[in-house]
Amino acid sequence: MKFRLYLVTFLIFLIVPSMLFADGSESGKITQIKIRSNNRISVWLDGTNFNDDCSGGAQWTMLETDDLFKEKLSLLYMAAASDETVKLTHLSSWGCGTWTSNRIAEITVQF
């Protein structure tokens, strides 16, 4: 019986912290793309800032080590050039990006 109690307690300690921070997204048109010297891209949108998880607010970042870096960057450039609305999604499991920004996990272009 004690084993079950310990197991349940252990599982609660694993699950609850992951629920404290939620995945989130922000939609809007791209107002700025900044290529930084430290192999990072920063993006700002004109939408409502999502800062539930990371305190960086309006800034979204992407690392060059991201497996889909080139594809994501191409999509961001295309959306900015055509003035399309994008949806950037942050996954709390990825943690915060540089400067406590939201890390870009997914990009959706809304036509």
PDB file of N, CA and C in Angstrom:
ATOM      1  N   MET A   1       0.821  -1.196   0.000  1.00  0.00           N
ATOM      2  CA  MET A   1       0.000   0.000   0.000  1.00  0.00           C
ATOM      3  C   MET A   1       0.864   1.259   0.000  1.00  0.00           C
ATOM      4  N   LYS A   2       1.949   1.218   0.784  1.00  0.00           N
ATOM      5  CA  LYS A   2       2.827   2.382   0.835  1.00  0.00           C
ATOM      6  C   LYS A   2       3.454   2.649  -0.527  1.00  0.00           C
ATOM      7  N   PHE A   3       3.742   1.561  -1.237  1.00  0.00           N
ATOM      8  CA  PHE A   3       4.342   1.714  -2.567  1.00  0.00           C
ATOM      9  C   PHE A   3       3.418   2.504  -3.486  1.00  0.00           C
ATOM     10  N   ARG A   4       2.142   2.201  -3.464  1.00  0.00           N
ATOM     11  CA  ARG A   4       1.179   2.917  -4.299  1.00  0.00           C
ATOM     12  C   ARG A   4       1.106   4.391  -3.912  1.00  0.00           C
ATOM     13  N   LEU A   5       1.120   4.656  -2.636  1.00  0.00           N
ATOM     14  CA  LEU A   5       1.091   6.046  -2.173  1.00  0.00           C
ATOM     15  C   LEU A   5       2.327   6.797  -2.668  1.00  0.00           C
ATOM     16  N   TYR A   6       3.486   6.172  -2.561  1.00  0.00           N
ATOM     17  CA  TYR A   6       4.720   6.788  -3.046  1.00  0.00           C
ATOM     18  C   TYR A   6       4.684   6.994  -4.554  1.00  0.00           C
ATOM     19  N   LEU A   7       4.146   6.008  -5.253  1.00  0.00           N
ATOM     20  CA  LEU A   7       4.055   6.106  -6.703  1.00  0.00           C
ATOM     21  C   LEU A   7       3.130   7.249  -7.128  1.00  0.00           C
ATOM     22  N   VAL A   8       1.984   7.340  -6.499  1.00  0.00           N
ATOM     23  CA  VAL A   8       1.038   8.411  -6.821  1.00  0.00           C
ATOM     24  C   VAL A   8       1.638   9.773  -6.487  1.00  0.00           C
ATOM     25  N   THR A   9       2.286   9.883  -5.347  1.00  0.00           N
ATOM     26  CA  THR A   9       2.928  11.146  -4.962  1.00  0.00           C
ATOM     27  C   THR A   9       4.002  11.532  -5.968  1.00  0.00           C
ATOM     28  N   PHE A  10       4.801  10.568  -6.372  1.00  0.00           N
ATOM     29  CA  PHE A  10       5.853  10.816  -7.353  1.00  0.00           C
ATOM     30  C   PHE A  10       5.266  11.304  -8.684  1.00  0.00           C
ATOM     31  N   LEU A  11       4.204  10.646  -9.139  1.00  0.00           N
ATOM     32  CA  LEU A  11       3.561  11.044 -10.397  1.00  0.00           C
ATOM     33  C   LEU A  11       2.963  12.439 -10.308  1.00  0.00           C
ATOM     34  N   ILE A  12       2.406  12.786  -9.181  1.00  0.00           N
ATOM     35  CA  ILE A  12       1.854  14.137  -9.011  1.00  0.00           C
ATOM     36  C   ILE A  12       2.962  15.173  -9.115  1.00  0.00           C
ATOM     37  N   PHE A  13       4.105  14.917  -8.510  1.00  0.00           N
ATOM     38  CA  PHE A  13       5.226  15.854  -8.591  1.00  0.00           C
ATOM     39  C   PHE A  13       5.775  15.969 -10.006  1.00  0.00           C
ATOM     40  N   LEU A  14       5.599  14.933 -10.823  1.00  0.00           N
ATOM     41  CA  LEU A  14       6.021  15.007 -12.216  1.00  0.00           C
ATOM     42  C   LEU A  14       5.028  15.770 -13.082  1.00  0.00           C
ATOM     43  N   ILE A  15       3.752  15.581 -12.823  1.00  0.00           N
ATOM     44  CA  ILE A  15       2.714  16.141 -13.690  1.00  0.00           C
ATOM     45  C   ILE A  15       2.400  17.593 -13.372  1.00  0.00           C
ATOM     46  N   VAL A  16       2.272  17.951 -12.121  1.00  0.00           N
ATOM     47  CA  VAL A  16       1.827  19.298 -11.738  1.00  0.00           C
ATOM     48  C   VAL A  16       2.739  20.399 -12.265  1.00  0.00           C
ATOM     49  N   PRO A  17       4.065  20.312 -12.142  1.00  0.00           N
ATOM     50  CA  PRO A  17       4.892  21.405 -12.676  1.00  0.00           C
ATOM     51  C   PRO A  17       4.724  21.623 -14.170  1.00  0.00           C
ATOM     52  N   SER A  18       4.501  20.554 -14.920  1.00  0.00           N
ATOM     53  CA  SER A  18       4.331  20.722 -16.364  1.00  0.00           C
ATOM     54  C   SER A  18       3.012  21.398 -16.686  1.00  0.00           C
ATOM     55  N   MET A  19       2.049  21.356 -15.773  1.00  0.00           N
ATOM     56  CA  MET A  19       0.760  21.996 -16.004  1.00  0.00           C
ATOM     57  C   MET A  19       0.779  23.468 -15.634  1.00  0.00           C
ATOM     58  N   LEU A  20       1.796  23.910 -14.916  1.00  0.00           N
ATOM     59  CA  LEU A  20       1.849  25.304 -14.497  1.00  0.00           C
ATOM     60  C   LEU A  20       2.048  26.246 -15.674  1.00  0.00           C
ATOM     61  N   PHE A  21       2.740  25.807 -16.683  1.00  0.00           N
ATOM     62  CA  PHE A  21       2.986  26.621 -17.857  1.00  0.00           C
ATOM     63  C   PHE A  21       2.329  25.969 -19.055  1.00  0.00           C
ATOM     64  N   ALA A  22       1.587  26.738 -19.781  1.00  0.00           N
ATOM     65  CA  ALA A  22       0.834  26.180 -20.901  1.00  0.00           C
ATOM     66  C   ALA A  22       1.484  26.544 -22.227  1.00  0.00           C
ATOM     67  N   ASP A  23       1.234  25.694 -23.208  1.00  0.00           N
ATOM     68  CA  ASP A  23       1.610  26.050 -24.568  1.00  0.00           C
ATOM     69  C   ASP A  23       0.764  27.253 -24.958  1.00  0.00           C
ATOM     70  N   GLY A  24       1.269  28.048 -25.856  1.00  0.00           N
ATOM     71  CA  GLY A  24       0.498  29.220 -26.255  1.00  0.00           C
ATOM     72  C   GLY A  24       0.873  29.677 -27.639  1.00  0.00           C
ATOM     73  N   SER A  25       0.113  30.618 -28.129  1.00  0.00           N
ATOM     74  CA  SER A  25       0.372  31.128 -29.467  1.00  0.00           C
ATOM     75  C   SER A  25      -0.017  32.591 -29.544  1.00  0.00           C
ATOM     76  N   GLU A  26       0.467  33.227 -30.585  1.00  0.00           N
ATOM     77  CA  GLU A  26       0.147  34.619 -30.879  1.00  0.00           C
ATOM     78  C   GLU A  26      -0.059  34.729 -32.383  1.00  0.00           C
ATOM     79  N   SER A  27      -1.095  35.428 -32.773  1.00  0.00           N
ATOM     80  CA  SER A  27      -1.357  35.646 -34.200  1.00  0.00           C
ATOM     81  C   SER A  27      -1.252  37.124 -34.519  1.00  0.00           C
ATOM     82  N   GLY A  28      -0.792  37.413 -35.701  1.00  0.00           N
ATOM     83  CA  GLY A  28      -0.691  38.796 -36.148  1.00  0.00           C
ATOM     84  C   GLY A  28       0.194  38.885 -37.379  1.00  0.00           C
ATOM     85  N   LYS A  29       0.367  40.104 -37.825  1.00  0.00           N
ATOM     86  CA  LYS A  29       1.261  40.328 -38.967  1.00  0.00           C
ATOM     87  C   LYS A  29       2.660  40.638 -38.434  1.00  0.00           C
ATOM     88  N   ILE A  30       3.649  40.223 -39.178  1.00  0.00           N
ATOM     89  CA  ILE A  30       5.038  40.410 -38.755  1.00  0.00           C
ATOM     90  C   ILE A  30       5.401  41.884 -38.886  1.00  0.00           C
ATOM     91  N   THR A  31       5.865  42.452 -37.789  1.00  0.00           N
ATOM     92  CA  THR A  31       6.288  43.856 -37.811  1.00  0.00           C
ATOM     93  C   THR A  31       7.801  43.989 -37.925  1.00  0.00           C
ATOM     94  N   GLN A  32       8.531  42.939 -37.493  1.00  0.00           N
ATOM     95  CA  GLN A  32       9.988  43.017 -37.548  1.00  0.00           C
ATOM     96  C   GLN A  32      10.581  41.618 -37.497  1.00  0.00           C
ATOM     97  N   ILE A  33      11.607  41.392 -38.317  1.00  0.00           N
ATOM     98  CA  ILE A  33      12.435  40.190 -38.251  1.00  0.00           C
ATOM     99  C   ILE A  33      13.861  40.668 -38.080  1.00  0.00           C
ATOM    100  N   LYS A  34      14.515  40.165 -37.044  1.00  0.00           N
ATOM    101  CA  LYS A  34      15.896  40.592 -36.781  1.00  0.00           C
ATOM    102  C   LYS A  34      16.803  39.364 -36.789  1.00  0.00           C
ATOM    103  N   ILE A  35      17.813  39.404 -37.645  1.00  0.00           N
ATOM    104  CA  ILE A  35      18.814  38.344 -37.682  1.00  0.00           C
ATOM    105  C   ILE A  35      19.956  38.787 -36.782  1.00  0.00           C
ATOM    106  N   ARG A  36      20.223  38.002 -35.776  1.00  0.00           N
ATOM    107  CA  ARG A  36      21.219  38.383 -34.766  1.00  0.00           C
ATOM    108  C   ARG A  36      22.544  37.667 -35.006  1.00  0.00           C
ATOM    109  N   SER A  37      23.610  38.245 -34.501  1.00  0.00           N
ATOM    110  CA  SER A  37      24.946  37.710 -34.734  1.00  0.00           C
ATOM    111  C   SER A  37      25.186  36.383 -34.010  1.00  0.00           C
ATOM    112  N   ASN A  38      24.343  36.024 -33.061  1.00  0.00           N
ATOM    113  CA  ASN A  38      24.546  34.785 -32.315  1.00  0.00           C
ATOM    114  C   ASN A  38      23.700  33.641 -32.871  1.00  0.00           C
ATOM    115  N   ASN A  39      23.447  33.653 -34.186  1.00  0.00           N
ATOM    116  CA  ASN A  39      22.717  32.593 -34.885  1.00  0.00           C
ATOM    117  C   ASN A  39      21.287  32.418 -34.394  1.00  0.00           C
ATOM    118  N   ARG A  40      20.654  33.532 -34.083  1.00  0.00           N
ATOM    119  CA  ARG A  40      19.267  33.523 -33.652  1.00  0.00           C
ATOM    120  C   ARG A  40      18.472  34.502 -34.501  1.00  0.00           C
ATOM    121  N   ILE A  41      17.204  34.178 -34.658  1.00  0.00           N
ATOM    122  CA  ILE A  41      16.275  35.053 -35.360  1.00  0.00           C
ATOM    123  C   ILE A  41      15.236  35.509 -34.349  1.00  0.00           C
ATOM    124  N   SER A  42      14.954  36.787 -34.321  1.00  0.00           N
ATOM    125  CA  SER A  42      13.892  37.323 -33.466  1.00  0.00           C
ATOM    126  C   SER A  42      12.781  37.850 -34.361  1.00  0.00           C
ATOM    127  N   VAL A  43      11.551  37.631 -33.930  1.00  0.00           N
ATOM    128  CA  VAL A  43      10.369  38.032 -34.696  1.00  0.00           C
ATOM    129  C   VAL A  43       9.403  38.739 -33.756  1.00  0.00           C
ATOM    130  N   TRP A  44       8.777  39.795 -34.256  1.00  0.00           N
ATOM    131  CA  TRP A  44       7.742  40.507 -33.508  1.00  0.00           C
ATOM    132  C   TRP A  44       6.487  40.578 -34.360  1.00  0.00           C
ATOM    133  N   LEU A  45       5.338  40.413 -33.715  1.00  0.00           N
ATOM    134  CA  LEU A  45       4.048  40.496 -34.394  1.00  0.00           C
ATOM    135  C   LEU A  45       3.259  41.686 -33.848  1.00  0.00           C
ATOM    136  N   ASP A  46       2.240  42.083 -34.610  1.00  0.00           N
ATOM    137  CA  ASP A  46       1.386  43.182 -34.145  1.00  0.00           C
ATOM    138  C   ASP A  46       0.203  42.689 -33.309  1.00  0.00           C
ATOM    139  N   GLY A  47       0.188  41.401 -32.959  1.00  0.00           N
ATOM    140  CA  GLY A  47      -0.919  40.833 -32.191  1.00  0.00           C
ATOM    141  C   GLY A  47      -0.770  41.072 -30.700  1.00  0.00           C
ATOM    142  N   THR A  48      -1.642  40.441 -29.939  1.00  0.00           N
ATOM    143  CA  THR A  48      -1.584  40.509 -28.484  1.00  0.00           C
ATOM    144  C   THR A  48      -0.443  39.630 -28.004  1.00  0.00           C
ATOM    145  N   ASN A  49       0.397  40.166 -27.138  1.00  0.00           N
ATOM    146  CA  ASN A  49       1.581  39.433 -26.687  1.00  0.00           C
ATOM    147  C   ASN A  49       1.204  38.234 -25.839  1.00  0.00           C
ATOM    148  N   PHE A  50       1.807  37.088 -26.139  1.00  0.00           N
ATOM    149  CA  PHE A  50       1.652  35.895 -25.313  1.00  0.00           C
ATOM    150  C   PHE A  50       2.846  35.841 -24.377  1.00  0.00           C
ATOM    151  N   ASN A  51       2.623  36.029 -23.104  1.00  0.00           N
ATOM    152  CA  ASN A  51       3.733  35.944 -22.155  1.00  0.00           C
ATOM    153  C   ASN A  51       3.341  35.147 -20.911  1.00  0.00           C
ATOM    154  N   ASP A  52       2.475  34.154 -21.085  1.00  0.00           N
ATOM    155  CA  ASP A  52       2.078  33.314 -19.965  1.00  0.00           C
ATOM    156  C   ASP A  52       3.220  32.431 -19.483  1.00  0.00           C
ATOM    157  N   ASP A  53       4.071  32.020 -20.378  1.00  0.00           N
ATOM    158  CA  ASP A  53       5.142  31.095 -20.036  1.00  0.00           C
ATOM    159  C   ASP A  53       6.480  31.816 -19.900  1.00  0.00           C
ATOM    160  N   CYS A  54       6.824  32.603 -20.889  1.00  0.00           N
ATOM    161  CA  CYS A  54       8.100  33.321 -20.900  1.00  0.00           C
ATOM    162  C   CYS A  54       7.818  34.820 -20.822  1.00  0.00           C
ATOM    163  N   SER A  55       8.622  35.527 -20.093  1.00  0.00           N
ATOM    164  CA  SER A  55       8.338  36.945 -19.839  1.00  0.00           C
ATOM    165  C   SER A  55       8.816  37.874 -20.947  1.00  0.00           C
ATOM    166  N   GLY A  56       9.347  37.326 -22.027  1.00  0.00           N
ATOM    167  CA  GLY A  56       9.863  38.159 -23.110  1.00  0.00           C
ATOM    168  C   GLY A  56       8.795  38.918 -23.878  1.00  0.00           C
ATOM    169  N   GLY A  57       7.549  38.560 -23.659  1.00  0.00           N
ATOM    170  CA  GLY A  57       6.448  39.299 -24.260  1.00  0.00           C
ATOM    171  C   GLY A  57       6.377  39.151 -25.761  1.00  0.00           C
ATOM    172  N   ALA A  58       6.533  40.243 -26.448  1.00  0.00           N
ATOM    173  CA  ALA A  58       6.304  40.286 -27.891  1.00  0.00           C
ATOM    174  C   ALA A  58       7.387  39.597 -28.709  1.00  0.00           C
ATOM    175  N   GLN A  59       8.533  39.327 -28.133  1.00  0.00           N
ATOM    176  CA  GLN A  59       9.639  38.762 -28.907  1.00  0.00           C
ATOM    177  C   GLN A  59       9.547  37.239 -28.980  1.00  0.00           C
ATOM    178  N   TRP A  60       9.665  36.742 -30.197  1.00  0.00           N
ATOM    179  CA  TRP A  60       9.705  35.307 -30.459  1.00  0.00           C
ATOM    180  C   TRP A  60      11.057  35.005 -31.072  1.00  0.00           C
ATOM    181  N   THR A  61      11.698  33.901 -30.681  1.00  0.00           N
ATOM    182  CA  THR A  61      13.019  33.586 -31.212  1.00  0.00           C
ATOM    183  C   THR A  61      13.069  32.166 -31.763  1.00  0.00           C
ATOM    184  N   MET A  62      14.077  31.981 -32.598  1.00  0.00           N
ATOM    185  CA  MET A  62      14.309  30.695 -33.235  1.00  0.00           C
ATOM    186  C   MET A  62      15.824  30.523 -33.353  1.00  0.00           C
ATOM    187  N   LEU A  63      16.309  29.330 -33.037  1.00  0.00           N
ATOM    188  CA  LEU A  63      17.734  29.038 -33.093  1.00  0.00           C
ATOM    189  C   LEU A  63      18.099  28.397 -34.421  1.00  0.00           C
ATOM    190  N   GLU A  64      19.305  28.638 -34.863  1.00  0.00           N
ATOM    191  CA  GLU A  64      19.777  28.032 -36.106  1.00  0.00           C
ATOM    192  C   GLU A  64      19.878  26.511 -35.981  1.00  0.00           C
ATOM    193  N   THR A  65      19.974  26.011 -34.772  1.00  0.00           N
ATOM    194  CA  THR A  65      20.070  24.568 -34.561  1.00  0.00           C
ATOM    195  C   THR A  65      18.716  23.866 -34.681  1.00  0.00           C
ATOM    196  N   ASP A  66      17.650  24.625 -34.832  1.00  0.00           N
ATOM    197  CA  ASP A  66      16.317  24.046 -35.040  1.00  0.00           C
ATOM    198  C   ASP A  66      16.340  23.221 -36.325  1.00  0.00           C
ATOM    199  N   ASP A  67      15.796  22.011 -36.272  1.00  0.00           N
ATOM    200  CA  ASP A  67      15.812  21.121 -37.447  1.00  0.00           C
ATOM    201  C   ASP A  67      15.133  21.735 -38.666  1.00  0.00           C
ATOM    202  N   LEU A  68      14.144  22.576 -38.446  1.00  0.00           N
ATOM    203  CA  LEU A  68      13.407  23.193 -39.557  1.00  0.00           C
ATOM    204  C   LEU A  68      13.709  24.687 -39.678  1.00  0.00           C
ATOM    205  N   PHE A  69      14.901  25.088 -39.271  1.00  0.00           N
ATOM    206  CA  PHE A  69      15.264  26.511 -39.269  1.00  0.00           C
ATOM    207  C   PHE A  69      15.054  27.175 -40.629  1.00  0.00           C
ATOM    208  N   LYS A  70      15.596  26.604 -41.680  1.00  0.00           N
ATOM    209  CA  LYS A  70      15.505  27.214 -43.013  1.00  0.00           C
ATOM    210  C   LYS A  70      14.063  27.284 -43.501  1.00  0.00           C
ATOM    211  N   GLU A  71      13.317  26.228 -43.243  1.00  0.00           N
ATOM    212  CA  GLU A  71      11.917  26.211 -43.674  1.00  0.00           C
ATOM    213  C   GLU A  71      11.095  27.255 -42.918  1.00  0.00           C
ATOM    214  N   LYS A  72      11.327  27.346 -41.612  1.00  0.00           N
ATOM    215  CA  LYS A  72      10.606  28.333 -40.803  1.00  0.00           C
ATOM    216  C   LYS A  72      10.974  29.760 -41.220  1.00  0.00           C
ATOM    217  N   LEU A  73      12.261  30.002 -41.447  1.00  0.00           N
ATOM    218  CA  LEU A  73      12.699  31.328 -41.850  1.00  0.00           C
ATOM    219  C   LEU A  73      12.109  31.707 -43.206  1.00  0.00           C
ATOM    220  N   SER A  74      12.081  30.768 -44.144  1.00  0.00           N
ATOM    221  CA  SER A  74      11.482  31.029 -45.460  1.00  0.00           C
ATOM    222  C   SER A  74      10.006  31.382 -45.324  1.00  0.00           C
ATOM    223  N   LEU A  75       9.305  30.648 -44.483  1.00  0.00           N
ATOM    224  CA  LEU A  75       7.883  30.915 -44.276  1.00  0.00           C
ATOM    225  C   LEU A  75       7.659  32.282 -43.636  1.00  0.00           C
ATOM    226  N   LEU A  76       8.519  32.655 -42.696  1.00  0.00           N
ATOM    227  CA  LEU A  76       8.410  33.979 -42.073  1.00  0.00           C
ATOM    228  C   LEU A  76       8.644  35.093 -43.097  1.00  0.00           C
ATOM    229  N   TYR A  77       9.672  34.926 -43.929  1.00  0.00           N
ATOM    230  CA  TYR A  77       9.939  35.929 -44.974  1.00  0.00           C
ATOM    231  C   TYR A  77       8.774  36.037 -45.949  1.00  0.00           C
ATOM    232  N   MET A  78       8.225  34.902 -46.362  1.00  0.00           N
ATOM    233  CA  MET A  78       7.106  34.905 -47.299  1.00  0.00           C
ATOM    234  C   MET A  78       5.901  35.618 -46.688  1.00  0.00           C
ATOM    235  N   ALA A  79       5.605  35.308 -45.440  1.00  0.00           N
ATOM    236  CA  ALA A  79       4.453  35.932 -44.774  1.00  0.00           C
ATOM    237  C   ALA A  79       4.658  37.433 -44.600  1.00  0.00           C
ATOM    238  N   ALA A  80       5.882  37.834 -44.269  1.00  0.00           N
ATOM    239  CA  ALA A  80       6.164  39.259 -44.098  1.00  0.00           C
ATOM    240  C   ALA A  80       6.061  39.996 -45.429  1.00  0.00           C
ATOM    241  N   ALA A  81       6.606  39.407 -46.493  1.00  0.00           N
ATOM    242  CA  ALA A  81       6.587  40.053 -47.805  1.00  0.00           C
ATOM    243  C   ALA A  81       5.178  40.171 -48.374  1.00  0.00           C
ATOM    244  N   SER A  82       4.334  39.188 -48.087  1.00  0.00           N
ATOM    245  CA  SER A  82       2.970  39.220 -48.624  1.00  0.00           C
ATOM    246  C   SER A  82       1.971  39.793 -47.624  1.00  0.00           C
ATOM    247  N   ASP A  83       2.449  40.272 -46.481  1.00  0.00           N
ATOM    248  CA  ASP A  83       1.617  40.910 -45.461  1.00  0.00           C
ATOM    249  C   ASP A  83       0.498  39.981 -44.983  1.00  0.00           C
ATOM    250  N   GLU A  84       0.833  38.704 -44.815  1.00  0.00           N
ATOM    251  CA  GLU A  84      -0.130  37.710 -44.352  1.00  0.00           C
ATOM    252  C   GLU A  84      -0.084  37.584 -42.830  1.00  0.00           C
ATOM    253  N   THR A  85      -1.170  37.135 -42.252  1.00  0.00           N
ATOM    254  CA  THR A  85      -1.234  36.887 -40.819  1.00  0.00           C
ATOM    255  C   THR A  85      -0.592  35.540 -40.526  1.00  0.00           C
ATOM    256  N   VAL A  86       0.229  35.495 -39.481  1.00  0.00           N
ATOM    257  CA  VAL A  86       0.856  34.248 -39.055  1.00  0.00           C
ATOM    258  C   VAL A  86       0.448  33.933 -37.628  1.00  0.00           C
ATOM    259  N   LYS A  87       0.533  32.668 -37.302  1.00  0.00           N
ATOM    260  CA  LYS A  87       0.308  32.215 -35.931  1.00  0.00           C
ATOM    261  C   LYS A  87       1.580  31.520 -35.483  1.00  0.00           C
ATOM    262  N   LEU A  88       2.227  32.060 -34.452  1.00  0.00           N
ATOM    263  CA  LEU A  88       3.430  31.458 -33.886  1.00  0.00           C
ATOM    264  C   LEU A  88       3.026  30.705 -32.631  1.00  0.00           C
ATOM    265  N   THR A  89       3.511  29.489 -32.497  1.00  0.00           N
ATOM    266  CA  THR A  89       3.159  28.654 -31.356  1.00  0.00           C
ATOM    267  C   THR A  89       4.401  28.330 -30.541  1.00  0.00           C
ATOM    268  N   HIS A  90       4.245  28.438 -29.228  1.00  0.00           N
ATOM    269  CA  HIS A  90       5.307  28.143 -28.263  1.00  0.00           C
ATOM    270  C   HIS A  90       4.913  26.889 -27.494  1.00  0.00           C
ATOM    271  N   LEU A  91       5.850  25.967 -27.325  1.00  0.00           N
ATOM    272  CA  LEU A  91       5.613  24.771 -26.520  1.00  0.00           C
ATOM    273  C   LEU A  91       6.354  24.919 -25.198  1.00  0.00           C
ATOM    274  N   SER A  92       5.638  24.858 -24.105  1.00  0.00           N
ATOM    275  CA  SER A  92       6.278  25.049 -22.803  1.00  0.00           C
ATOM    276  C   SER A  92       7.341  23.988 -22.529  1.00  0.00           C
ATOM    277  N   SER A  93       7.174  22.813 -23.131  1.00  0.00           N
ATOM    278  CA  SER A  93       8.168  21.757 -22.928  1.00  0.00           C
ATOM    279  C   SER A  93       9.525  22.117 -23.534  1.00  0.00           C
ATOM    280  N   TRP A  94       9.548  23.071 -24.470  1.00  0.00           N
ATOM    281  CA  TRP A  94      10.809  23.517 -25.076  1.00  0.00           C
ATOM    282  C   TRP A  94      11.540  24.509 -24.182  1.00  0.00           C
ATOM    283  N   GLY A  95      10.857  25.089 -23.246  1.00  0.00           N
ATOM    284  CA  GLY A  95      11.461  26.120 -22.407  1.00  0.00           C
ATOM    285  C   GLY A  95      11.488  27.452 -23.135  1.00  0.00           C
ATOM    286  N   CYS A  96      11.992  28.462 -22.466  1.00  0.00           N
ATOM    287  CA  CYS A  96      12.045  29.807 -23.042  1.00  0.00           C
ATOM    288  C   CYS A  96      13.280  29.947 -23.924  1.00  0.00           C
ATOM    289  N   GLY A  97      13.199  30.879 -24.848  1.00  0.00           N
ATOM    290  CA  GLY A  97      14.316  31.157 -25.728  1.00  0.00           C
ATOM    291  C   GLY A  97      15.234  32.216 -25.136  1.00  0.00           C
ATOM    292  N   THR A  98      16.126  32.708 -25.951  1.00  0.00           N
ATOM    293  CA  THR A  98      17.045  33.754 -25.539  1.00  0.00           C
ATOM    294  C   THR A  98      16.264  34.995 -25.125  1.00  0.00           C
ATOM    295  N   TRP A  99      16.745  35.690 -24.141  1.00  0.00           N
ATOM    296  CA  TRP A  99      16.109  36.904 -23.614  1.00  0.00           C
ATOM    297  C   TRP A  99      14.698  36.611 -23.096  1.00  0.00           C
ATOM    298  N   THR A 100      14.505  35.431 -22.535  1.00  0.00           N
ATOM    299  CA  THR A 100      13.217  34.944 -22.017  1.00  0.00           C
ATOM    300  C   THR A 100      12.076  35.096 -23.009  1.00  0.00           C
ATOM    301  N   SER A 101      12.390  34.972 -24.279  1.00  0.00           N
ATOM    302  CA  SER A 101      11.365  35.070 -25.325  1.00  0.00           C
ATOM    303  C   SER A 101      10.665  33.730 -25.498  1.00  0.00           C
ATOM    304  N   ASN A 102       9.577  33.753 -26.229  1.00  0.00           N
ATOM    305  CA  ASN A 102       8.901  32.519 -26.612  1.00  0.00           C
ATOM    306  C   ASN A 102       9.659  31.907 -27.783  1.00  0.00           C
ATOM    307  N   ARG A 103       9.936  30.612 -27.711  1.00  0.00           N
ATOM    308  CA  ARG A 103      10.610  29.928 -28.814  1.00  0.00           C
ATOM    309  C   ARG A 103       9.582  29.497 -29.844  1.00  0.00           C
ATOM    310  N   ILE A 104       9.898  29.707 -31.106  1.00  0.00           N
ATOM    311  CA  ILE A 104       8.976  29.360 -32.187  1.00  0.00           C
ATOM    312  C   ILE A 104       9.038  27.856 -32.429  1.00  0.00           C
ATOM    313  N   ALA A 105       7.960  27.175 -32.073  1.00  0.00           N
ATOM    314  CA  ALA A 105       7.874  25.735 -32.325  1.00  0.00           C
ATOM    315  C   ALA A 105       7.142  25.472 -33.634  1.00  0.00           C
ATOM    316  N   GLU A 106       6.073  26.230 -33.861  1.00  0.00           N
ATOM    317  CA  GLU A 106       5.260  26.039 -35.062  1.00  0.00           C
ATOM    318  C   GLU A 106       4.899  27.391 -35.661  1.00  0.00           C
ATOM    319  N   ILE A 107       4.792  27.413 -36.986  1.00  0.00           N
ATOM    320  CA  ILE A 107       4.356  28.608 -37.703  1.00  0.00           C
ATOM    321  C   ILE A 107       3.203  28.205 -38.602  1.00  0.00           C
ATOM    322  N   THR A 108       2.115  28.936 -38.496  1.00  0.00           N
ATOM    323  CA  THR A 108       0.971  28.716 -39.367  1.00  0.00           C
ATOM    324  C   THR A 108       0.696  30.010 -40.112  1.00  0.00           C
ATOM    325  N   VAL A 109       0.627  29.955 -41.441  1.00  0.00           N
ATOM    326  CA  VAL A 109       0.279  31.135 -42.225  1.00  0.00           C
ATOM    327  C   VAL A 109      -1.199  31.030 -42.561  1.00  0.00           C
ATOM    328  N   GLN A 110      -1.927  32.062 -42.213  1.00  0.00           N
ATOM    329  CA  GLN A 110      -3.368  32.070 -42.423  1.00  0.00           C
ATOM    330  C   GLN A 110      -3.700  32.909 -43.657  1.00  0.00           C
ATOM    331  N   PHE A 111      -4.214  32.253 -44.689  1.00  0.00           N
ATOM    332  CA  PHE A 111      -4.544  32.933 -45.934  1.00  0.00           C
ATOM    333  C   PHE A 111      -6.002  33.337 -45.952  1.00  0.00           C
TER     334      PHE A 111
END
